[in-house]
Amino acid sequence: MTQAAKVNEGTPQTKISLSGTELNKEAPKKSQESKADIYDPASYPLVEKGRIATTLYDDFGTFHRLYYSDITEVYADNLEILFYYNSGSAYTKDSILTYELFYEEGHTLKFYGSVYFDTAGYTDAFLYTEIDKNLYMNQPFIYLRVGTSATIEDEYYSSVATFKIKNPFYAGDESLTGNTYALISNESISEYMETTGMFQFDTQTKNSTIDPNLDQSSYIMDADLPFDIPEIIGNPIEKNKFYTAQTYKVGDSRAFWVTDLGTNQDYQIQAQLAYSGSKSNVWVYNNQITNSAAAQLGTEFDTNIYGTVTSHFAQESDVDGNGKVHILVFDIKDGYNGNGGYVSGYFYGRDLYSTYYFPQSNQSEIFYIDTYPSMGAVGASLDVTRSYGTLAHEFQHMVSFNQNVLVEGRGDLPSWINEGLAEAAHQVYRGVGLSGRLDYYNRSNSIQNGHSLLYWGDNNDSLSNYSLSYLFMQYLKIQTNQ
């Protein structure tokens, strides 16, 4: 027997037993959305404990977010699955939340049954579901399809998602068979732990190869600024019901927090809005580029870069509700002395969180673009076209953070993967290979001496890591015929 307890109001501290529903054996509901085969195990991504399982948006536009909390044994015959439920509204929503349970048999899924919760009147609740332990005795995973509907009788879900969770009581053999492969990567250089470290421009580049025959593009870097991602239920920047997204017009000014990458100290600058387009706002510090140059930069992002990155990788978040990405243009303090590596831009994930967590957060989708030397030499006419690739690179970091951290509730990607994908975004946008990375690879002393792909900044030469990560991702692309 499977039971689904009704939800209890608020954020209860103890389990309250309410009337439940018997397992419904009728066929799965249909979906209004175009989804993958619900009987294909590959359509169910794995969700770990403590992570967001899914976020659904119903016909009212209201979100329903599920966090996977735990699975425990109840007596000898049942398993109890616990989710934390969070919704954007107590009443303005499709209030019926249904779980459909599946199990695997012969490389396909079989429908077990469904249970439902009526969430009307509640925005937060613990959801308890009991399932037959014996059914899943030989199952490494429990497959769930979760949907919202206005009533129990509705034939279609207004929104639906699939995922699976590990069965901790499975004791079978999980070894891979057939045409299945696993890529196992241990990125840590320590037996027990790995530090996030800090970005230090001088130590990250002091052993870089300096070759006058290398193009300036060989020395482009960005800053990987670490911070502790907080465990947050709901939107990283909470908005009350009276919230209105901040709008700006060209000529407006505001303060931004930025980071001195040489000292790791935060400081504020006042920038002016020089361009506002369909997808971006371009802010300029101290008139370092003209309004027409800012418009050129923003138009390229709106017209060519935004769609390229979002169609190949993921969508950006919209924590400030304005539907735009801020691009702040200024001379990034990175200790550049005229030779070697320099920071052409950076994205800082903490900007997507409230100042409650990070007082120096800019509380918006924003990345930072350098003027010198990225756009040209001091005193020369700056060329914003030289930063187009950096726009694609940093925007990929932004959408990756949203997908991996805010949407899926996982940690951010390791630097060697993160930078490899961002370089791939640069190449997809340009339509040609990044010759600067290839040239540096061929001339790098560190790479010739066995520089590590996985240990970012190995031998104080991050530039070699950019080349290695870029080329490794291109190798994977070729091997998979993508």
Protein backbone atom coordinates (compact mmCIF):
# COMPACT_ATOMS: atom_id res chain seq x y z
CA MET A 1 0.00 0.00 0.00
CA THR A 2 1.20 3.50 -0.79
CA GLN A 3 -0.05 6.55 1.07
CA ALA A 4 0.37 10.25 0.46
CA ALA A 5 -0.26 12.40 3.49
CA LYS A 6 -1.91 15.76 3.01
CA VAL A 7 0.32 18.75 3.53
CA ASN A 8 0.49 20.57 6.83
CA GLU A 9 0.59 24.35 7.03
CA GLY A 10 3.75 26.46 7.28
CA THR A 11 7.08 24.76 7.83
CA PRO A 12 6.15 22.08 10.41
CA GLN A 13 8.78 20.69 12.72
CA THR A 14 7.07 17.34 13.29
CA LYS A 15 5.27 14.91 11.05
CA ILE A 16 1.49 15.21 11.23
CA SER A 17 -0.58 12.25 10.01
CA LEU A 18 -3.51 13.39 7.90
CA SER A 19 -5.87 11.49 5.63
CA GLY A 20 -3.95 10.00 2.74
CA THR A 21 -4.83 8.62 -0.65
CA GLU A 22 -4.71 5.06 -1.81
CA LEU A 23 -2.36 4.28 -4.66
CA ASN A 24 -3.99 5.21 -7.95
CA LYS A 25 -3.32 2.56 -10.60
CA GLU A 26 -4.80 4.50 -13.50
CA ALA A 27 -2.56 5.38 -16.43
CA PRO A 28 -0.18 8.35 -16.12
CA LYS A 29 -1.61 11.77 -16.92
CA LYS A 30 -0.78 13.44 -20.21
CA SER A 31 1.36 16.53 -20.51
CA GLN A 32 0.70 19.81 -22.31
CA GLU A 33 4.43 20.11 -22.82
CA SER A 34 6.61 18.23 -25.30
CA LYS A 35 8.61 15.85 -23.15
CA ALA A 36 10.90 12.88 -23.66
CA ASP A 37 9.60 9.32 -23.44
CA ILE A 38 8.40 8.86 -19.85
CA TYR A 39 9.27 5.16 -20.02
CA ASP A 40 12.90 5.82 -20.94
CA PRO A 41 15.17 5.66 -17.85
CA ALA A 42 17.56 8.10 -19.54
CA SER A 43 14.88 10.81 -19.30
CA TYR A 44 15.18 10.85 -15.50
CA PRO A 45 18.15 12.87 -14.16
CA LEU A 46 19.53 11.87 -10.77
CA VAL A 47 18.74 14.14 -7.81
CA GLU A 48 20.85 13.92 -4.66
CA LYS A 49 19.66 14.51 -1.10
CA GLY A 50 19.43 18.14 -0.10
CA ARG A 51 19.11 19.33 -3.70
CA ILE A 52 16.32 20.86 -5.73
CA ALA A 53 14.44 18.06 -7.48
CA THR A 54 12.50 20.31 -9.84
CA THR A 55 10.77 23.65 -10.21
CA LEU A 56 7.43 23.59 -12.01
CA TYR A 57 5.51 26.58 -13.37
CA ASP A 58 1.75 26.03 -13.69
CA ASP A 59 -0.86 27.78 -15.86
CA PHE A 60 -0.99 30.69 -13.40
CA GLY A 61 2.75 31.18 -13.75
CA THR A 62 3.17 30.14 -10.11
CA PHE A 63 6.25 28.12 -9.24
CA HIS A 64 6.18 24.82 -7.32
CA ARG A 65 9.64 23.83 -6.06
CA LEU A 66 10.54 20.45 -4.59
CA TYR A 67 13.65 19.76 -2.50
CA TYR A 68 14.59 16.13 -1.97
CA SER A 69 15.13 15.71 1.78
CA ASP A 70 15.38 12.03 2.69
CA ILE A 71 14.26 8.44 2.26
CA THR A 72 13.88 6.17 5.28
CA GLU A 73 12.63 2.70 6.16
CA VAL A 74 9.20 2.49 7.77
CA TYR A 75 8.76 -0.74 9.70
CA ALA A 76 9.93 -3.65 7.52
CA ASP A 77 7.81 -3.28 4.41
CA ASN A 78 7.69 0.39 3.41
CA LEU A 79 9.98 3.22 2.41
CA GLU A 80 9.10 6.80 3.22
CA ILE A 81 10.21 9.58 0.85
CA LEU A 82 10.35 13.14 2.17
CA PHE A 83 10.30 16.26 0.02
CA TYR A 84 10.15 19.88 1.07
CA TYR A 85 7.61 21.85 -0.97
CA ASN A 86 7.81 25.59 -1.63
CA SER A 87 5.36 27.55 -3.78
CA GLY A 88 5.02 31.12 -4.97
CA SER A 89 1.39 31.34 -3.88
CA ALA A 90 -0.96 29.68 -1.43
CA TYR A 91 -4.08 29.94 -3.59
CA THR A 92 -3.34 31.38 -7.04
CA LYS A 93 -2.03 28.15 -8.50
CA ASP A 94 -2.86 24.67 -9.77
CA SER A 95 -2.93 23.16 -6.29
CA ILE A 96 -2.88 19.41 -7.02
CA LEU A 97 0.66 18.00 -6.96
CA THR A 98 0.88 14.40 -8.16
CA TYR A 99 3.73 11.89 -7.87
CA GLU A 100 3.85 9.08 -10.42
CA LEU A 101 6.10 6.20 -9.42
CA PHE A 102 7.97 3.99 -11.89
CA TYR A 103 10.38 1.07 -11.64
CA GLU A 104 12.80 -0.36 -14.18
CA GLU A 105 12.35 -3.69 -15.92
CA GLY A 106 14.28 -4.79 -19.00
CA HIS A 107 15.80 -1.35 -19.71
CA THR A 108 12.39 0.31 -19.74
CA LEU A 109 10.17 1.75 -17.04
CA LYS A 110 6.92 0.31 -15.73
CA PHE A 111 4.23 2.45 -14.13
CA TYR A 112 3.60 1.57 -10.49
CA GLY A 113 0.95 4.09 -9.53
CA SER A 114 0.41 7.67 -8.40
CA VAL A 115 -0.38 9.62 -5.25
CA TYR A 116 -1.34 13.26 -4.88
CA PHE A 117 -1.14 16.20 -2.49
CA ASP A 118 -3.59 19.09 -2.33
CA THR A 119 -1.40 22.13 -1.64
CA ALA A 120 -4.22 24.71 -1.63
CA GLY A 121 -3.67 27.19 1.18
CA TYR A 122 0.01 26.44 1.67
CA THR A 123 3.26 27.86 0.35
CA ASP A 124 5.58 25.62 2.43
CA ALA A 125 5.16 22.04 3.54
CA PHE A 126 6.86 18.71 4.14
CA LEU A 127 5.48 16.01 1.84
CA TYR A 128 5.63 12.37 2.98
CA THR A 129 5.06 9.44 0.65
CA GLU A 130 5.21 5.74 1.56
CA ILE A 131 6.00 3.10 -1.06
CA ASP A 132 6.31 -0.66 -1.02
CA LYS A 133 9.89 -1.54 -0.14
CA ASN A 134 9.64 -5.00 -1.70
CA LEU A 135 8.81 -3.58 -5.14
CA TYR A 136 12.09 -1.65 -5.15
CA MET A 137 14.20 -4.33 -3.46
CA ASN A 138 16.21 -4.95 -6.64
CA GLN A 139 15.97 -1.38 -7.96
CA PRO A 140 18.98 0.96 -7.61
CA PHE A 141 16.75 3.95 -8.34
CA ILE A 142 13.21 5.14 -7.67
CA TYR A 143 11.81 6.98 -10.69
CA LEU A 144 9.35 9.82 -10.16
CA ARG A 145 7.27 11.91 -12.54
CA VAL A 146 5.83 14.97 -10.80
CA GLY A 147 3.12 17.23 -12.18
CA THR A 148 0.69 20.00 -11.29
CA SER A 149 -3.00 20.18 -12.16
CA ALA A 150 -6.05 22.18 -11.13
CA THR A 151 -8.04 19.10 -10.06
CA ILE A 152 -7.43 15.42 -9.46
CA GLU A 153 -9.61 14.56 -12.45
CA ASP A 154 -7.66 16.66 -14.98
CA GLU A 155 -6.44 14.60 -17.92
CA TYR A 156 -3.38 16.82 -18.47
CA TYR A 157 -0.71 18.24 -16.22
CA SER A 158 -0.15 21.98 -16.49
CA SER A 159 3.54 21.36 -15.81
CA VAL A 160 5.53 18.17 -15.35
CA ALA A 161 9.07 16.96 -14.69
CA THR A 162 10.90 13.66 -14.26
CA PHE A 163 13.80 12.65 -12.02
CA LYS A 164 15.13 9.71 -10.06
CA ILE A 165 16.56 9.23 -6.57
CA LYS A 166 18.90 6.57 -5.26
CA ASN A 167 17.42 3.67 -3.34
CA PRO A 168 19.69 3.45 -0.25
CA PHE A 169 18.36 -0.01 0.56
CA TYR A 170 19.37 -1.51 -2.78
CA ALA A 171 22.13 -4.07 -2.28
CA GLY A 172 22.50 -5.37 -5.84
CA ASP A 173 25.30 -5.03 -8.37
CA GLU A 174 25.47 -1.57 -9.93
CA SER A 175 28.31 -2.45 -12.28
CA LEU A 176 27.94 -1.15 -15.81
CA THR A 177 27.13 -3.56 -18.59
CA GLY A 178 26.59 -3.46 -22.32
CA ASN A 179 27.26 -0.28 -24.27
CA THR A 180 27.53 1.90 -21.17
CA TYR A 181 30.63 3.78 -20.12
CA ALA A 182 31.62 5.87 -17.14
CA LEU A 183 34.11 8.72 -17.10
CA ILE A 184 35.53 8.93 -13.58
CA SER A 185 37.41 12.12 -12.76
CA ASN A 186 39.09 12.94 -9.46
CA GLU A 187 39.81 16.65 -9.64
CA SER A 188 41.26 16.91 -6.14
CA ILE A 189 45.00 16.75 -5.55
CA SER A 190 44.44 15.96 -1.87
CA GLU A 191 43.47 12.64 -0.38
CA TYR A 192 40.86 14.21 1.84
CA MET A 193 39.85 17.71 0.78
CA GLU A 194 40.23 20.43 -1.83
CA THR A 195 40.37 24.16 -1.11
CA THR A 196 38.61 26.68 -3.32
CA GLY A 197 41.58 29.02 -2.93
CA MET A 198 41.68 32.64 -4.04
CA PHE A 199 42.44 34.28 -7.35
CA GLN A 200 45.88 35.89 -7.23
CA PHE A 201 46.93 37.31 -10.58
CA ASP A 202 50.67 37.33 -9.86
CA THR A 203 50.85 33.73 -8.64
CA GLN A 204 48.43 32.40 -11.27
CA THR A 205 50.59 33.67 -14.12
CA LYS A 206 54.15 34.05 -12.88
CA ASN A 207 55.32 30.87 -14.65
CA SER A 208 53.45 31.56 -17.89
CA THR A 209 55.28 31.33 -21.18
CA ILE A 210 56.06 34.78 -22.62
CA ASP A 211 56.64 34.60 -26.36
CA PRO A 212 56.72 37.70 -28.59
CA ASN A 213 55.36 35.58 -31.45
CA LEU A 214 52.13 34.87 -29.58
CA ASP A 215 49.05 36.94 -30.33
CA GLN A 216 47.49 38.90 -27.47
CA SER A 217 44.50 36.55 -27.54
CA SER A 218 46.79 33.82 -26.19
CA TYR A 219 46.97 35.66 -22.86
CA ILE A 220 43.26 36.26 -22.19
CA MET A 221 42.06 35.11 -18.76
CA ASP A 222 39.08 35.60 -16.51
CA ALA A 223 38.84 35.48 -12.73
CA ASP A 224 37.44 32.44 -10.92
CA LEU A 225 36.22 34.15 -7.75
CA PRO A 226 35.21 31.55 -5.13
CA PHE A 227 32.47 31.98 -2.55
CA ASP A 228 30.41 29.66 -0.38
CA ILE A 229 27.09 28.98 -2.10
CA PRO A 230 24.39 29.33 0.57
CA GLU A 231 21.63 26.77 1.06
CA ILE A 232 18.56 28.81 0.12
CA ILE A 233 14.92 27.77 -0.15
CA GLY A 234 13.25 29.85 -2.82
CA ASN A 235 14.57 32.68 -4.95
CA PRO A 236 18.14 33.78 -4.07
CA ILE A 237 16.78 37.34 -3.92
CA GLU A 238 13.42 37.24 -2.16
CA LYS A 239 10.82 39.72 -3.41
CA ASN A 240 7.68 40.70 -1.53
CA LYS A 241 4.32 41.05 -3.25
CA PHE A 242 4.89 44.78 -3.78
CA TYR A 243 8.19 44.23 -5.60
CA THR A 244 8.69 46.09 -8.88
CA ALA A 245 11.72 45.43 -11.05
CA GLN A 246 14.10 48.37 -11.23
CA THR A 247 14.14 50.02 -14.64
CA TYR A 248 16.83 52.31 -16.00
CA LYS A 249 17.18 54.72 -18.91
CA VAL A 250 20.30 55.80 -20.76
CA GLY A 251 22.11 58.43 -18.71
CA ASP A 252 21.15 56.96 -15.33
CA SER A 253 23.97 56.11 -12.94
CA ARG A 254 24.34 53.65 -10.08
CA ALA A 255 27.02 52.17 -7.85
CA PHE A 256 28.47 48.71 -8.47
CA TRP A 257 30.69 46.51 -6.35
CA VAL A 258 33.80 45.31 -8.19
CA THR A 259 36.92 43.41 -7.11
CA ASP A 260 40.59 44.36 -7.21
CA LEU A 261 42.01 41.05 -8.45
CA GLY A 262 45.50 41.90 -7.28
CA THR A 263 44.47 42.33 -3.65
CA ASN A 264 41.11 40.47 -3.58
CA GLN A 265 39.54 43.61 -2.09
CA ASP A 266 36.05 44.76 -3.05
CA TYR A 267 35.36 48.41 -3.80
CA GLN A 268 32.58 50.47 -5.40
CA ILE A 269 32.51 52.47 -8.62
CA GLN A 270 29.82 54.71 -10.07
CA ALA A 271 28.90 53.83 -13.66
CA GLN A 272 26.53 55.38 -16.19
CA LEU A 273 24.06 53.52 -18.39
CA ALA A 274 25.27 54.04 -21.97
CA TYR A 275 23.05 51.50 -23.78
CA SER A 276 19.82 49.66 -23.01
CA GLY A 277 18.69 46.99 -25.44
CA SER A 278 16.41 43.97 -25.60
CA LYS A 279 18.68 41.70 -23.55
CA SER A 280 21.39 43.91 -22.07
CA ASN A 281 22.21 47.11 -20.25
CA VAL A 282 25.76 48.38 -20.85
CA TRP A 283 27.18 50.46 -18.00
CA VAL A 284 30.42 52.43 -18.43
CA TYR A 285 32.75 53.71 -15.73
CA ASN A 286 34.37 57.12 -16.12
CA ASN A 287 33.50 57.41 -19.85
CA GLN A 288 36.10 54.76 -20.69
CA ILE A 289 34.21 53.97 -23.89
CA THR A 290 31.77 56.19 -25.79
CA ASN A 291 28.01 55.70 -25.86
CA SER A 292 28.24 54.63 -29.51
CA ALA A 293 30.87 52.02 -28.61
CA ALA A 294 28.68 50.81 -25.74
CA ALA A 295 25.75 50.52 -28.16
CA GLN A 296 27.96 48.52 -30.51
CA LEU A 297 28.89 46.16 -27.67
CA GLY A 298 25.32 45.78 -26.42
CA THR A 299 23.83 45.31 -29.88
CA GLU A 300 26.26 42.48 -30.62
CA PHE A 301 25.26 40.78 -27.37
CA ASP A 302 21.52 41.24 -27.99
CA THR A 303 21.64 40.20 -31.65
CA ASN A 304 24.24 37.46 -31.91
CA ILE A 305 25.69 36.35 -28.59
CA TYR A 306 22.61 35.93 -26.40
CA GLY A 307 20.78 33.51 -28.71
CA THR A 308 23.92 31.55 -29.55
CA VAL A 309 24.81 30.86 -25.92
CA THR A 310 21.28 30.15 -24.65
CA SER A 311 20.49 27.79 -27.54
CA HIS A 312 23.68 25.76 -27.04
CA PHE A 313 24.05 25.79 -23.26
CA ALA A 314 21.29 27.06 -20.93
CA GLN A 315 19.17 30.04 -19.94
CA GLU A 316 20.23 32.81 -17.61
CA SER A 317 18.40 33.52 -14.36
CA ASP A 318 16.39 36.69 -13.76
CA VAL A 319 16.76 37.31 -10.04
CA ASP A 320 16.13 41.05 -10.33
CA GLY A 321 13.10 40.62 -12.59
CA ASN A 322 14.15 43.04 -15.34
CA GLY A 323 14.79 40.45 -18.07
CA LYS A 324 18.21 41.91 -18.89
CA VAL A 325 21.89 41.26 -18.26
CA HIS A 326 24.04 44.10 -16.95
CA ILE A 327 27.44 44.49 -18.65
CA LEU A 328 29.81 46.72 -16.66
CA VAL A 329 32.72 48.13 -18.68
CA PHE A 330 35.78 49.42 -16.81
CA ASP A 331 39.52 48.84 -16.42
CA ILE A 332 39.70 45.70 -14.28
CA LYS A 333 42.47 45.92 -11.69
CA ASP A 334 44.47 42.76 -12.28
CA GLY A 335 48.08 43.88 -11.86
CA TYR A 336 48.76 43.72 -15.59
CA ASN A 337 52.25 45.13 -16.30
CA GLY A 338 52.29 45.11 -20.09
CA ASN A 339 53.27 41.46 -20.61
CA GLY A 340 51.65 38.07 -20.20
CA GLY A 341 48.18 37.23 -18.95
CA TYR A 342 45.44 39.72 -18.22
CA VAL A 343 41.81 39.47 -17.12
CA SER A 344 39.44 40.38 -19.96
CA GLY A 345 36.30 39.88 -17.90
CA TYR A 346 34.67 37.95 -15.10
CA PHE A 347 31.34 36.70 -13.74
CA TYR A 348 30.76 36.51 -9.99
CA GLY A 349 28.02 34.14 -8.85
CA ARG A 350 27.48 35.96 -5.57
CA ASP A 351 25.80 38.78 -7.54
CA LEU A 352 22.77 36.50 -7.94
CA TYR A 353 22.23 36.44 -4.17
CA SER A 354 20.79 38.97 -1.76
CA THR A 355 22.98 41.37 0.21
CA TYR A 356 21.64 39.48 3.22
CA TYR A 357 24.10 36.74 2.29
CA PHE A 358 26.76 38.84 0.54
CA PRO A 359 26.82 42.58 1.39
CA GLN A 360 28.88 43.27 -1.77
CA SER A 361 26.40 41.57 -4.10
CA ASN A 362 25.10 43.64 -7.01
CA GLN A 363 21.84 41.62 -6.80
CA SER A 364 21.46 41.16 -10.53
CA GLU A 365 22.63 39.26 -13.59
CA ILE A 366 25.90 41.05 -14.33
CA PHE A 367 29.34 40.39 -15.73
CA TYR A 368 32.34 42.63 -16.01
CA ILE A 369 34.30 43.55 -19.16
CA ASP A 370 37.81 45.01 -19.18
CA THR A 371 38.96 48.01 -21.24
CA TYR A 372 42.76 47.89 -20.88
CA PRO A 373 44.45 45.98 -22.39
CA SER A 374 41.46 43.99 -23.69
CA MET A 375 40.19 46.74 -26.01
CA GLY A 376 43.53 48.36 -26.76
CA ALA A 377 46.42 50.33 -25.32
CA VAL A 378 46.19 53.35 -23.05
CA GLY A 379 45.69 56.51 -25.08
CA ALA A 380 44.61 54.59 -28.17
CA SER A 381 41.11 54.36 -29.58
CA LEU A 382 39.53 51.39 -27.81
CA ASP A 383 38.10 48.64 -30.03
CA VAL A 384 35.09 46.98 -28.38
CA THR A 385 34.95 44.27 -31.05
CA ARG A 386 37.98 42.70 -29.36
CA SER A 387 35.76 41.92 -26.37
CA TYR A 388 32.96 40.16 -28.24
CA GLY A 389 34.43 36.74 -27.48
CA THR A 390 34.70 37.65 -23.80
CA LEU A 391 30.98 38.51 -23.78
CA ALA A 392 30.19 34.98 -24.97
CA HIS A 393 32.67 33.46 -22.51
CA GLU A 394 31.34 35.29 -19.44
CA PHE A 395 27.70 34.85 -20.42
CA GLN A 396 28.29 31.11 -20.63
CA HIS A 397 29.58 31.21 -17.05
CA MET A 398 26.36 32.98 -16.05
CA VAL A 399 23.98 30.49 -17.68
CA SER A 400 26.05 27.56 -16.41
CA PHE A 401 25.82 28.84 -12.84
CA ASN A 402 22.07 29.28 -13.20
CA GLN A 403 21.55 25.77 -14.58
CA ASN A 404 23.87 23.92 -12.21
CA VAL A 405 23.37 25.88 -8.99
CA LEU A 406 20.03 27.70 -9.06
CA VAL A 407 17.96 25.33 -11.22
CA GLU A 408 19.42 21.91 -10.37
CA GLY A 409 20.61 22.81 -6.87
CA ARG A 410 24.08 21.39 -7.41
CA GLY A 411 27.47 22.99 -6.87
CA ASP A 412 29.24 25.04 -9.49
CA LEU A 413 31.38 23.20 -12.02
CA PRO A 414 35.10 22.59 -11.41
CA SER A 415 37.24 25.25 -13.06
CA TRP A 416 38.69 22.95 -15.72
CA ILE A 417 35.19 22.05 -16.97
CA ASN A 418 33.72 25.50 -16.44
CA GLU A 419 36.44 27.26 -18.42
CA GLY A 420 36.46 24.60 -21.14
CA LEU A 421 32.74 25.12 -21.75
CA ALA A 422 33.09 28.90 -21.68
CA GLU A 423 35.84 28.67 -24.29
CA ALA A 424 33.54 26.42 -26.31
CA ALA A 425 30.88 29.16 -26.19
CA HIS A 426 33.47 31.60 -27.54
CA GLN A 427 34.22 29.23 -30.42
CA VAL A 428 30.55 28.55 -31.21
CA TYR A 429 29.92 32.29 -31.37
CA ARG A 430 32.93 32.99 -33.59
CA GLY A 431 32.38 29.94 -35.79
CA VAL A 432 36.13 29.21 -35.94
CA GLY A 433 38.70 27.71 -33.59
CA LEU A 434 40.54 29.78 -30.99
CA SER A 435 43.99 29.97 -32.54
CA GLY A 436 45.41 31.85 -29.54
CA ARG A 437 44.72 28.88 -27.25
CA LEU A 438 46.23 26.46 -29.76
CA ASP A 439 49.32 28.60 -30.23
CA TYR A 440 49.88 28.86 -26.48
CA TYR A 441 49.46 25.09 -26.15
CA ASN A 442 52.20 24.53 -28.73
CA ARG A 443 54.61 26.93 -27.00
CA SER A 444 53.87 26.35 -23.33
CA ASN A 445 56.84 25.14 -21.31
CA SER A 446 54.49 23.95 -18.55
CA ILE A 447 52.48 21.74 -20.90
CA GLN A 448 55.66 20.22 -22.30
CA ASN A 449 56.58 19.33 -18.71
CA GLY A 450 53.28 17.56 -18.01
CA HIS A 451 51.00 20.38 -16.80
CA SER A 452 47.81 19.03 -15.16
CA LEU A 453 44.47 19.44 -16.90
CA LEU A 454 42.51 19.00 -13.67
CA TYR A 455 44.55 21.06 -11.20
CA TRP A 456 43.73 24.66 -12.12
CA GLY A 457 46.78 26.91 -11.80
CA ASP A 458 49.23 24.00 -11.72
CA ASN A 459 52.81 25.31 -11.56
CA ASN A 460 51.39 28.87 -11.32
CA ASP A 461 50.42 28.85 -14.99
CA SER A 462 46.66 29.19 -15.49
CA LEU A 463 47.12 30.12 -19.14
CA SER A 464 48.17 26.54 -19.84
CA ASN A 465 44.96 25.39 -18.16
CA TYR A 466 42.85 27.52 -20.50
CA SER A 467 44.51 25.88 -23.50
CA LEU A 468 44.22 22.38 -22.05
CA SER A 469 40.56 22.76 -21.04
CA TYR A 470 39.64 24.31 -24.39
CA LEU A 471 41.33 21.55 -26.40
CA PHE A 472 39.99 18.76 -24.18
CA MET A 473 36.42 19.96 -24.73
CA GLN A 474 37.05 20.14 -28.46
CA TYR A 475 38.40 16.58 -28.32
CA LEU A 476 35.17 15.42 -26.64
CA LYS A 477 33.16 17.28 -29.26
CA ILE A 478 34.98 15.48 -32.07
CA GLN A 479 34.67 12.08 -30.40
CA THR A 480 30.91 12.46 -30.00
CA ASN A 481 30.37 13.85 -33.53
CA GLN A 482 28.66 16.94 -32.12
